[in-house]
Protein backbone atom coordinates (compact mmCIF):
# COMPACT_ATOMS: atom_id res chain seq x y z
CA MET A 1 19.94 -77.89 -64.97
CA LEU A 2 18.90 -74.22 -65.00
CA ASP A 3 19.93 -73.99 -68.66
CA ILE A 4 17.68 -76.94 -69.54
CA ILE A 5 14.72 -75.52 -67.60
CA ILE A 6 14.94 -72.14 -69.34
CA PHE A 7 15.16 -73.65 -72.81
CA ALA A 8 12.40 -76.20 -72.16
CA ALA A 9 10.11 -73.44 -70.86
CA TYR A 10 10.72 -71.44 -73.99
CA ILE A 11 9.92 -74.37 -76.31
CA GLY A 12 6.77 -75.09 -74.32
CA LEU A 13 5.69 -71.47 -74.65
CA VAL A 14 6.07 -71.29 -78.45
CA LEU A 15 4.21 -74.59 -78.85
CA GLY A 16 1.45 -73.21 -76.63
CA ILE A 17 1.16 -70.17 -78.90
CA GLY A 18 0.85 -72.47 -81.89
CA ARG A 19 -1.89 -74.46 -80.16
CA TYR A 20 -3.79 -71.30 -79.22
CA TRP A 21 -3.87 -69.97 -82.78
CA SER A 22 -4.69 -73.36 -84.30
CA LYS A 23 -8.19 -72.99 -82.83
CA ARG A 24 -8.65 -69.58 -84.44
CA VAL A 25 -7.64 -70.38 -88.02
CA ARG A 26 -10.91 -70.70 -89.94
CA SER A 27 -9.97 -69.79 -93.50
CA THR A 28 -7.08 -70.00 -95.94
CA GLU A 29 -6.63 -66.26 -95.59
CA ASP A 30 -6.32 -66.70 -91.81
CA PHE A 31 -3.68 -69.41 -92.26
CA HIS A 32 -1.53 -67.62 -94.83
CA LEU A 33 -2.23 -63.91 -94.18
CA CYS A 34 -3.68 -63.56 -90.66
CA GLY A 35 -6.98 -62.61 -92.28
CA ARG A 36 -5.28 -59.40 -93.46
CA GLN A 37 -5.80 -58.04 -89.94
CA LEU A 38 -2.19 -57.76 -88.75
CA GLY A 39 -1.69 -54.62 -86.66
CA LYS A 40 1.41 -52.45 -86.36
CA LEU A 41 2.86 -54.12 -83.24
CA PRO A 42 2.73 -57.78 -84.35
CA ALA A 43 3.62 -56.93 -87.96
CA SER A 44 6.68 -54.91 -86.90
CA LEU A 45 7.96 -57.31 -84.25
CA SER A 46 7.43 -60.30 -86.53
CA LEU A 47 9.26 -58.75 -89.48
CA ALA A 48 12.15 -57.67 -87.26
CA ALA A 49 12.40 -61.12 -85.64
CA THR A 50 12.33 -62.81 -89.05
CA GLU A 51 15.13 -60.56 -90.24
CA PHE A 52 17.38 -60.83 -87.15
CA SER A 53 18.46 -64.36 -88.04
CA GLY A 54 21.29 -66.56 -86.87
CA SER A 55 23.41 -65.25 -89.71
CA GLY A 56 22.92 -61.67 -88.53
CA LEU A 57 23.95 -62.66 -85.02
CA ILE A 58 26.64 -65.28 -85.46
CA GLY A 59 27.83 -64.18 -88.90
CA GLY A 60 27.75 -60.49 -87.97
CA ALA A 61 29.66 -60.99 -84.72
CA GLY A 62 32.11 -63.29 -86.50
CA LEU A 63 32.87 -60.69 -89.16
CA VAL A 64 33.56 -58.02 -86.55
CA TYR A 65 35.71 -60.51 -84.64
CA ALA A 66 37.76 -61.21 -87.78
CA ILE A 67 38.07 -57.81 -89.47
CA GLY A 68 36.84 -55.23 -87.00
CA LEU A 69 34.07 -52.67 -87.19
CA SER A 70 33.85 -52.95 -90.97
CA GLY A 71 31.90 -56.13 -90.29
CA ILE A 72 29.05 -54.01 -88.94
CA PHE A 73 27.97 -53.42 -92.54
CA TRP A 74 26.76 -57.03 -92.75
CA ASN A 75 23.83 -55.82 -90.65
CA TYR A 76 23.78 -52.09 -91.35
CA ALA A 77 23.52 -52.64 -95.12
CA ALA A 78 19.91 -53.65 -94.49
CA ILE A 79 18.89 -50.25 -93.09
CA PRO A 80 18.53 -48.26 -96.34
CA ALA A 81 16.83 -51.23 -98.03
CA TYR A 82 14.11 -51.44 -95.39
CA ILE A 83 13.54 -47.68 -95.36
CA LEU A 84 13.29 -47.46 -99.17
CA LEU A 85 10.99 -50.46 -99.46
CA GLY A 86 8.87 -49.19 -96.58
CA PHE A 87 8.18 -45.94 -98.37
CA LEU A 88 8.03 -47.11 -101.99
CA VAL A 89 7.01 -50.78 -102.30
CA ALA A 90 5.37 -52.39 -99.25
CA PRO A 91 2.33 -50.03 -99.14
CA ARG A 92 1.75 -50.40 -102.89
CA LEU A 93 1.65 -54.19 -102.67
CA ARG A 94 -0.69 -54.13 -99.66
CA ARG A 95 -3.22 -52.05 -101.59
CA LEU A 96 -3.34 -54.71 -104.33
CA GLN A 97 -4.85 -57.36 -102.00
CA LEU A 98 -2.29 -59.99 -103.04
CA THR A 99 -1.58 -63.32 -101.36
CA THR A 100 1.95 -63.92 -102.71
CA ILE A 101 4.69 -62.11 -104.61
CA PRO A 102 4.53 -64.62 -107.52
CA GLU A 103 0.81 -63.80 -107.79
CA TYR A 104 1.78 -60.20 -108.56
CA ILE A 105 4.44 -61.40 -111.02
CA GLY A 106 1.74 -63.47 -112.70
CA THR A 107 -0.53 -60.46 -113.19
CA LYS A 108 2.29 -58.69 -115.05
CA PHE A 109 4.11 -61.49 -116.87
CA GLY A 110 1.71 -64.42 -117.07
CA VAL A 111 1.09 -67.73 -115.32
CA LYS A 112 4.29 -69.38 -116.59
CA THR A 113 6.41 -66.65 -115.00
CA GLN A 114 4.35 -66.81 -111.81
CA ARG A 115 5.09 -70.53 -111.46
CA LEU A 116 8.79 -70.10 -112.24
CA THR A 117 9.02 -67.41 -109.56
CA ALA A 118 7.19 -69.60 -107.05
CA VAL A 119 9.52 -72.54 -107.70
CA LEU A 120 12.64 -70.37 -107.31
CA GLU A 121 11.37 -68.87 -104.07
CA ILE A 122 10.39 -72.28 -102.67
CA ILE A 123 13.88 -73.65 -103.39
CA GLU A 124 15.35 -70.60 -101.70
CA ALA A 125 13.07 -70.92 -98.67
CA VAL A 126 13.71 -74.64 -98.12
CA ALA A 127 17.46 -74.12 -98.45
CA PHE A 128 17.44 -71.17 -96.07
CA VAL A 129 15.50 -73.15 -93.46
CA ALA A 130 18.12 -75.92 -93.74
CA VAL A 131 20.87 -73.43 -92.91
CA GLN A 132 18.94 -72.12 -89.89
CA ILE A 133 18.39 -75.69 -88.65
CA LEU A 134 22.11 -76.36 -88.83
CA VAL A 135 22.96 -73.16 -86.94
CA SER A 136 20.41 -73.99 -84.23
CA ALA A 137 21.64 -77.57 -83.96
CA LEU A 138 25.26 -76.52 -83.50
CA LEU A 139 24.24 -74.16 -80.69
CA LEU A 140 22.04 -76.75 -78.97
CA SER A 141 24.79 -79.30 -79.29
CA ALA A 142 27.27 -76.96 -77.62
CA LEU A 143 24.84 -75.98 -74.85
CA PHE A 144 23.35 -79.36 -73.90
CA GLY A 145 25.75 -81.94 -75.34
CA LEU A 146 23.19 -83.32 -77.81
CA SER A 147 24.34 -84.81 -81.07
CA VAL A 148 23.79 -82.58 -84.10
CA PRO A 149 21.09 -84.92 -85.55
CA GLN A 150 19.24 -84.96 -82.21
CA ALA A 151 19.42 -81.18 -81.90
CA SER A 152 18.34 -80.72 -85.53
CA LEU A 153 15.30 -82.94 -85.04
CA LEU A 154 14.33 -81.13 -81.82
CA VAL A 155 14.44 -77.62 -83.22
CA THR A 156 12.80 -78.62 -86.53
CA ALA A 157 9.95 -80.36 -84.72
CA ALA A 158 9.35 -77.27 -82.57
CA PHE A 159 9.06 -74.65 -85.31
CA ALA A 160 7.36 -77.02 -87.77
CA ILE A 161 4.64 -77.98 -85.28
CA TYR A 162 3.65 -74.46 -84.32
CA THR A 163 3.75 -73.33 -87.97
CA MET A 164 1.53 -76.24 -89.03
CA MET A 165 -0.93 -75.65 -86.22
CA GLY A 166 -1.49 -71.91 -86.38
CA GLY A 167 -0.16 -70.82 -89.77
CA LEU A 168 1.01 -67.22 -90.06
CA TRP A 169 -0.88 -66.20 -86.92
CA ALA A 170 1.25 -68.61 -84.87
CA VAL A 171 4.41 -67.55 -86.70
CA VAL A 172 3.73 -63.85 -86.08
CA TRP A 173 3.05 -64.15 -82.36
CA THR A 174 5.92 -66.55 -81.72
CA ASP A 175 8.04 -64.06 -83.66
CA ALA A 176 6.88 -61.30 -81.32
CA LEU A 177 7.95 -63.40 -78.33
CA GLN A 178 11.23 -64.27 -80.00
CA TYR A 179 11.90 -60.60 -80.74
CA VAL A 180 11.55 -59.75 -77.03
CA VAL A 181 13.74 -62.68 -75.98
CA LEU A 182 16.34 -61.86 -78.63
CA MET A 183 16.64 -58.13 -77.94
CA ALA A 184 16.64 -58.64 -74.16
CA GLY A 185 19.23 -61.37 -74.52
CA ILE A 186 21.69 -59.47 -76.68
CA ILE A 187 21.40 -56.28 -74.60
CA ILE A 188 22.16 -58.26 -71.43
CA ALA A 189 25.04 -59.96 -73.26
CA VAL A 190 26.46 -56.58 -74.33
CA VAL A 191 26.35 -55.24 -70.77
CA LEU A 192 28.04 -58.33 -69.30
CA ALA A 193 30.61 -58.52 -72.10
CA LEU A 194 31.57 -54.87 -71.63
CA ILE A 195 31.93 -55.43 -67.89
CA ALA A 196 34.17 -58.43 -68.58
CA VAL A 197 36.40 -56.51 -71.00
CA GLY A 198 36.62 -53.32 -68.94
CA GLY A 199 34.18 -51.15 -70.87
CA ILE A 200 34.71 -49.25 -74.11
CA ASP A 201 38.15 -48.15 -72.91
CA GLY A 202 39.02 -51.79 -72.33
CA LEU A 203 38.11 -52.61 -75.92
CA HIS A 204 40.26 -49.77 -77.27
CA ASN A 205 43.21 -50.75 -75.11
CA SER A 206 43.09 -54.47 -75.94
CA LEU A 207 42.55 -54.38 -79.72
CA PRO A 208 44.68 -52.98 -82.55
CA GLU A 209 43.66 -49.63 -84.05
CA GLU A 210 42.67 -51.18 -87.40
CA HIS A 211 39.95 -53.14 -85.62
CA PHE A 212 38.07 -49.85 -85.24
CA SER A 213 38.32 -48.92 -88.92
CA PHE A 214 35.23 -48.93 -91.15
CA THR A 215 37.21 -49.30 -94.39
CA GLN A 216 38.60 -52.84 -94.15
CA LEU A 217 36.08 -54.23 -96.63
CA GLY A 218 36.46 -51.53 -99.25
CA LEU A 219 33.42 -50.32 -101.19
CA TRP A 220 32.10 -53.21 -103.28
CA THR A 221 31.38 -55.73 -100.54
CA PRO A 222 29.12 -53.43 -98.45
CA LEU A 223 27.39 -52.34 -101.67
CA ALA A 224 26.79 -55.99 -102.59
CA TRP A 225 25.31 -56.61 -99.14
CA GLY A 226 23.06 -53.59 -99.58
CA ALA A 227 21.94 -54.91 -102.97
CA LEU A 228 21.26 -58.32 -101.43
CA ALA A 229 19.12 -56.67 -98.74
CA LEU A 230 17.15 -54.72 -101.33
CA TYR A 231 16.52 -57.83 -103.46
CA SER A 232 15.55 -60.09 -100.57
CA TYR A 233 13.29 -57.78 -98.60
CA GLY A 234 11.61 -56.56 -101.77
CA VAL A 235 10.61 -59.88 -103.36
CA ASP A 236 10.99 -62.61 -100.72
CA GLN A 237 7.62 -63.95 -99.65
CA ALA A 238 8.96 -64.55 -96.12
CA TYR A 239 9.49 -60.82 -95.60
CA MET A 240 6.82 -59.25 -97.80
CA GLN A 241 4.21 -61.61 -96.34
CA ARG A 242 3.98 -59.26 -93.33
CA ALA A 243 3.12 -56.36 -95.63
CA LEU A 244 0.53 -58.45 -97.48
CA ALA A 245 -1.02 -59.53 -94.15
CA ALA A 246 -1.09 -56.00 -92.69
CA LYS A 247 -4.50 -54.47 -92.02
CA ASP A 248 -3.69 -51.48 -94.23
CA ALA A 249 -0.93 -49.85 -96.29
CA GLU A 250 0.22 -47.64 -93.42
CA THR A 251 0.82 -50.73 -91.25
CA ALA A 252 2.87 -52.32 -94.04
CA ARG A 253 4.97 -49.16 -94.33
CA PHE A 254 5.45 -48.91 -90.57
CA ALA A 255 6.62 -52.54 -90.22
CA TYR A 256 9.37 -52.08 -92.79
CA ILE A 257 10.58 -48.74 -91.42
CA PHE A 258 10.48 -50.07 -87.84
CA THR A 259 12.69 -53.00 -88.82
CA GLY A 260 15.16 -50.73 -90.61
CA CYS A 261 15.44 -48.40 -87.62
CA ASN A 262 15.73 -51.37 -85.25
CA TYR A 263 18.81 -52.48 -87.13
CA VAL A 264 20.70 -49.53 -85.65
CA VAL A 265 20.42 -51.08 -82.18
CA PHE A 266 20.68 -54.72 -83.26
CA GLY A 267 23.70 -54.21 -85.53
CA GLY A 268 25.46 -52.07 -82.93
CA CYS A 269 24.97 -54.68 -80.20
CA VAL A 270 26.22 -57.47 -82.45
CA ALA A 271 29.31 -55.41 -83.33
CA ILE A 272 30.13 -54.80 -79.66
CA LEU A 273 29.83 -58.53 -78.96
CA GLY A 274 32.19 -59.26 -81.85
CA LEU A 275 34.75 -56.77 -80.51
CA ALA A 276 34.41 -58.17 -76.99
CA ALA A 277 35.03 -61.69 -78.30
CA ALA A 278 38.11 -60.46 -80.18
CA SER A 279 39.42 -58.94 -76.96
CA LEU A 280 38.62 -61.81 -74.59
CA LEU A 281 39.01 -64.82 -76.92
CA PRO A 282 41.72 -64.10 -79.49
CA GLY A 283 42.94 -66.81 -81.84
CA LEU A 284 39.73 -68.74 -82.52
CA GLU A 285 40.14 -70.93 -85.61
CA ASN A 286 36.61 -70.17 -86.84
CA GLU A 287 35.34 -66.61 -86.42
CA ASN A 288 31.75 -67.86 -86.46
CA GLN A 289 32.43 -69.44 -83.08
CA ALA A 290 33.12 -66.00 -81.60
CA LEU A 291 29.63 -65.35 -80.23
CA PRO A 292 28.87 -68.91 -79.04
CA GLU A 293 32.28 -69.12 -77.32
CA LEU A 294 31.82 -65.69 -75.73
CA VAL A 295 28.47 -66.79 -74.34
CA ALA A 296 29.77 -70.18 -73.19
CA GLN A 297 32.99 -68.96 -71.54
CA VAL A 298 32.18 -65.50 -70.21
CA LEU A 299 28.54 -65.49 -69.13
CA PRO A 300 27.16 -67.21 -65.99
CA GLU A 301 24.71 -70.13 -65.97
CA GLY A 302 21.14 -69.01 -66.49
CA VAL A 303 22.23 -65.91 -68.37
CA ARG A 304 24.12 -68.23 -70.72
CA ALA A 305 20.94 -70.21 -71.36
CA LEU A 306 18.96 -67.01 -71.93
CA ILE A 307 21.44 -65.76 -74.54
CA MET A 308 21.68 -69.13 -76.28
CA THR A 309 17.90 -69.34 -76.26
CA ALA A 310 17.79 -65.84 -77.77
CA ILE A 311 20.11 -66.91 -80.59
CA ILE A 312 18.11 -70.07 -81.21
CA ALA A 313 14.94 -67.97 -81.09
CA ALA A 314 16.33 -65.88 -83.92
CA THR A 315 16.95 -68.95 -86.07
CA MET A 316 13.55 -70.47 -85.23
CA SER A 317 11.78 -67.22 -86.10
CA THR A 318 13.50 -67.06 -89.47
CA SER A 319 12.87 -70.77 -90.09
CA SER A 320 9.15 -70.60 -89.33
CA SER A 321 8.73 -67.49 -91.48
CA PHE A 322 10.42 -69.08 -94.49
CA LEU A 323 8.51 -72.32 -93.90
CA ALA A 324 5.19 -70.45 -93.82
CA ALA A 325 6.22 -68.58 -96.97
CA ALA A 326 7.10 -71.80 -98.81
CA SER A 327 3.76 -73.31 -97.83
CA SER A 328 1.88 -70.25 -99.12
CA LEU A 329 3.77 -70.31 -102.41
CA ALA A 330 3.25 -74.03 -102.95
CA VAL A 331 -0.46 -73.96 -102.16
CA GLN A 332 -1.52 -70.61 -103.64
CA ASP A 333 0.69 -70.48 -106.75
CA LEU A 334 1.18 -74.14 -107.67
CA TYR A 335 -1.00 -76.82 -106.07
CA GLU A 336 -4.42 -75.14 -105.91
CA PRO A 337 -4.35 -73.54 -109.39
CA ILE A 338 -3.18 -76.80 -111.00
CA PHE A 339 -4.81 -79.57 -108.94
CA GLY A 340 -7.24 -78.14 -106.42
CA GLU A 341 -9.22 -75.35 -108.02
CA GLY A 342 -12.45 -74.84 -106.11
CA SER A 343 -11.22 -76.56 -102.94
CA SER A 344 -12.87 -75.54 -99.68
CA ASP A 345 -10.99 -73.52 -97.06
CA ALA A 346 -10.75 -76.60 -94.84
CA ARG A 347 -9.19 -78.59 -97.67
CA GLN A 348 -6.70 -75.84 -98.50
CA ILE A 349 -5.68 -75.51 -94.84
CA PHE A 350 -5.14 -79.28 -94.73
CA HIS A 351 -2.98 -79.10 -97.87
CA SER A 352 -1.03 -76.20 -96.36
CA ARG A 353 -0.26 -78.15 -93.19
CA VAL A 354 0.82 -81.24 -95.11
CA ILE A 355 3.08 -79.20 -97.40
CA THR A 356 4.54 -77.38 -94.37
CA ALA A 357 5.47 -80.75 -92.84
CA ILE A 358 7.01 -81.95 -96.12
CA PHE A 359 9.13 -78.83 -96.56
CA ALA A 360 10.29 -79.00 -92.93
CA ALA A 361 11.36 -82.62 -93.46
CA VAL A 362 13.21 -81.76 -96.68
CA SER A 363 15.05 -78.91 -94.95
CA LEU A 364 15.97 -81.22 -92.07
CA VAL A 365 17.38 -83.82 -94.46
CA ILE A 366 19.41 -81.17 -96.32
CA SER A 367 20.88 -79.91 -93.04
CA LEU A 368 21.85 -83.45 -91.96
CA VAL A 369 22.99 -85.00 -95.24
CA PHE A 370 24.74 -82.04 -96.87
CA PRO A 371 26.33 -79.99 -94.07
CA GLY A 372 29.51 -79.61 -96.13
CA VAL A 373 27.73 -77.58 -98.81
CA VAL A 374 26.10 -75.03 -96.54
CA SER A 375 27.93 -72.19 -98.29
CA LEU A 376 26.51 -73.38 -101.62
CA VAL A 377 23.05 -73.63 -100.09
CA VAL A 378 23.37 -70.09 -98.74
CA PHE A 379 24.37 -68.88 -102.20
CA ALA A 380 21.34 -70.60 -103.69
CA THR A 381 19.16 -68.56 -101.34
CA LEU A 382 20.59 -65.38 -102.88
CA VAL A 383 19.95 -66.22 -106.52
CA ALA A 384 16.13 -66.11 -106.52
CA PRO A 385 15.72 -62.59 -105.08
CA ALA A 386 18.47 -61.19 -107.32
CA ALA A 387 16.89 -62.79 -110.40
CA ILE A 388 13.34 -61.68 -109.62
CA PHE A 389 14.03 -58.16 -108.36
CA ILE A 390 14.53 -56.25 -111.63
CA PRO A 391 11.41 -57.58 -113.43
CA PHE A 392 9.45 -57.05 -110.21
CA ILE A 393 10.54 -53.42 -109.69
CA LEU A 394 10.25 -52.49 -113.36
CA SER A 395 6.71 -53.85 -113.45
CA ILE A 396 5.77 -51.58 -110.53
CA PHE A 397 7.35 -48.35 -111.71
CA TRP A 398 7.58 -48.68 -115.52
CA ASP A 399 4.50 -49.46 -117.56
CA LYS A 400 6.48 -50.36 -120.69
CA THR A 401 7.62 -53.73 -119.35
CA PRO A 402 6.39 -56.34 -121.88
CA ALA A 403 4.70 -59.45 -120.53
CA HIS A 404 6.75 -61.91 -122.59
CA ALA A 405 10.09 -60.61 -121.21
CA GLY A 406 9.52 -61.46 -117.54
CA PHE A 407 10.00 -65.22 -117.79
CA TRP A 408 13.23 -64.99 -119.76
CA ALA A 409 14.62 -62.15 -117.66
CA ILE A 410 14.20 -64.16 -114.46
CA LEU A 411 15.58 -67.37 -115.98
CA VAL A 412 18.59 -65.68 -117.64
CA SER A 413 19.30 -63.68 -114.48
CA ALA A 414 19.33 -66.80 -112.28
CA VAL A 415 21.63 -68.66 -114.69
CA ALA A 416 23.96 -65.66 -115.02
CA GLY A 417 24.21 -65.19 -111.25
CA CYS A 418 24.99 -68.87 -110.64
CA SER A 419 27.49 -69.01 -113.51
CA SER A 420 29.27 -65.94 -112.21
CA GLN A 421 29.66 -67.45 -108.75
CA ILE A 422 30.82 -70.85 -110.01
CA PHE A 423 33.04 -69.98 -112.95
CA TRP A 424 34.58 -66.54 -112.78
CA TYR A 425 33.89 -64.45 -109.65
CA GLU A 426 37.30 -63.90 -107.99
CA GLN A 427 38.73 -66.54 -110.35
CA ILE A 428 39.66 -64.44 -113.38
CA PRO A 429 41.48 -61.08 -113.55
CA GLY A 430 39.89 -57.76 -114.42
CA TRP A 431 36.53 -56.16 -113.77
CA LEU A 432 34.54 -59.25 -114.72
CA GLY A 433 36.23 -61.34 -112.07
CA ALA A 434 35.75 -58.55 -109.53
CA MET A 435 32.02 -58.06 -110.15
CA HIS A 436 29.91 -59.71 -107.46
CA PRO A 437 27.25 -62.19 -108.67
CA LEU A 438 24.64 -60.07 -106.90
CA PHE A 439 25.31 -57.38 -109.50
CA VAL A 440 25.66 -59.80 -112.43
CA ALA A 441 22.17 -61.26 -111.93
CA PRO A 442 20.19 -57.99 -112.09
CA LEU A 443 22.34 -56.67 -114.95
CA ALA A 444 21.45 -59.81 -116.90
CA ALA A 445 17.77 -59.18 -116.19
CA LEU A 446 18.11 -55.59 -117.40
CA ALA A 447 19.84 -56.84 -120.56
CA VAL A 448 16.70 -58.83 -121.33
CA MET A 449 14.00 -56.45 -120.09
CA ILE A 450 15.08 -53.13 -121.61
CA PRO A 451 15.63 -54.32 -125.22
CA ALA A 452 12.39 -56.27 -124.99
CA ALA A 453 10.55 -53.12 -123.93
CA VAL A 454 12.21 -50.99 -126.62
CA PHE A 455 11.61 -53.39 -129.49
CA SER A 456 8.15 -54.50 -128.41
CA GLY A 457 6.81 -51.07 -129.25
CA LYS A 458 4.78 -51.00 -126.04
CA LYS A 459 3.50 -47.51 -125.26
């Protein structure tokens, strides 16, 4: 009963936040960008909460459970990406007064490329929300005995409603709450798990020496994760939206650097939980059950609900951020320019809320109907950032990038990345079979962009 009360109180609180901000959204800029008035505290906590997703928690702990401390790089690979982008990219974009990343792409490569980028990012966002719904549903099912469809509907309704009501303002402040719940929850879990296992000495005494090695993954996999982080946090609307909504360039920079530094604590805590699960619960068939099983079997009632709520909070935060991003992309880059030019703010907010509901429903259906292809859906979320990143970065730092090359670079890059994953990555011998798709996609973009720049004669 205590578990149910804690979770119900949390859901009621986030819905209350959504209701509060729904009364304060008066313009399209309020709905999609918080009126460009986002301060350092909400911007930083929101970006960190968006980033610390279910995959970072459950996937990160599962990797450490399976292979040892090398799995920490699943989270730590994000640190240099956030620091670099915080210094070099986020402040630049904030100064341009943009609404979306595809809008910037459009200023450099034309409307056709802007719309292609928006479509790719919407597909990515909807797919990523579906994955987060499934993760949340599995946790709720384990905690309360609900069926997966019931749990999926419950969690989707919660984050969709507060996102529809308050737009990015509601997302940001629920994120801030979810950040506090998440960090408090995992720190408490670390303390209790270490007590249960007998402290750091208990971990060392109960696990083989190789579990404490940082070299189990080799070099290429951590580098690929670092590349993924750089692509995603640089061009994904869900992340960069905080920089675009910041009140100034310094706030945008601070939010990114704060999130990168926060990863030191978050990633370390997740790694300790993975090691504790390996010590206390050896032999699990699925390593991704390591953290949920640790919480369910080791922690007391009440604390168990707090930790599970923290994990679900992480997935809801990520879901609402990607849902808000998809809505912004659909309205600002596709619907309004094509069908609704000159619409009033009230009309655009209405369209945004309707599109938010539609995307939430599509993500819910994907999570329920296609649970067996979650790995493929996750891969699809990686293709768009990898395809867009090179044209995006070149357009910022190299003035020779020709406008006509952007569309083809993004399209060829996306096709090359997908083809690599499906047809030859780890399926054929030699360097081609060993090269991760996350490197194939940007190399394909470079193969289009650089010759186009050279032969276009652009000065």
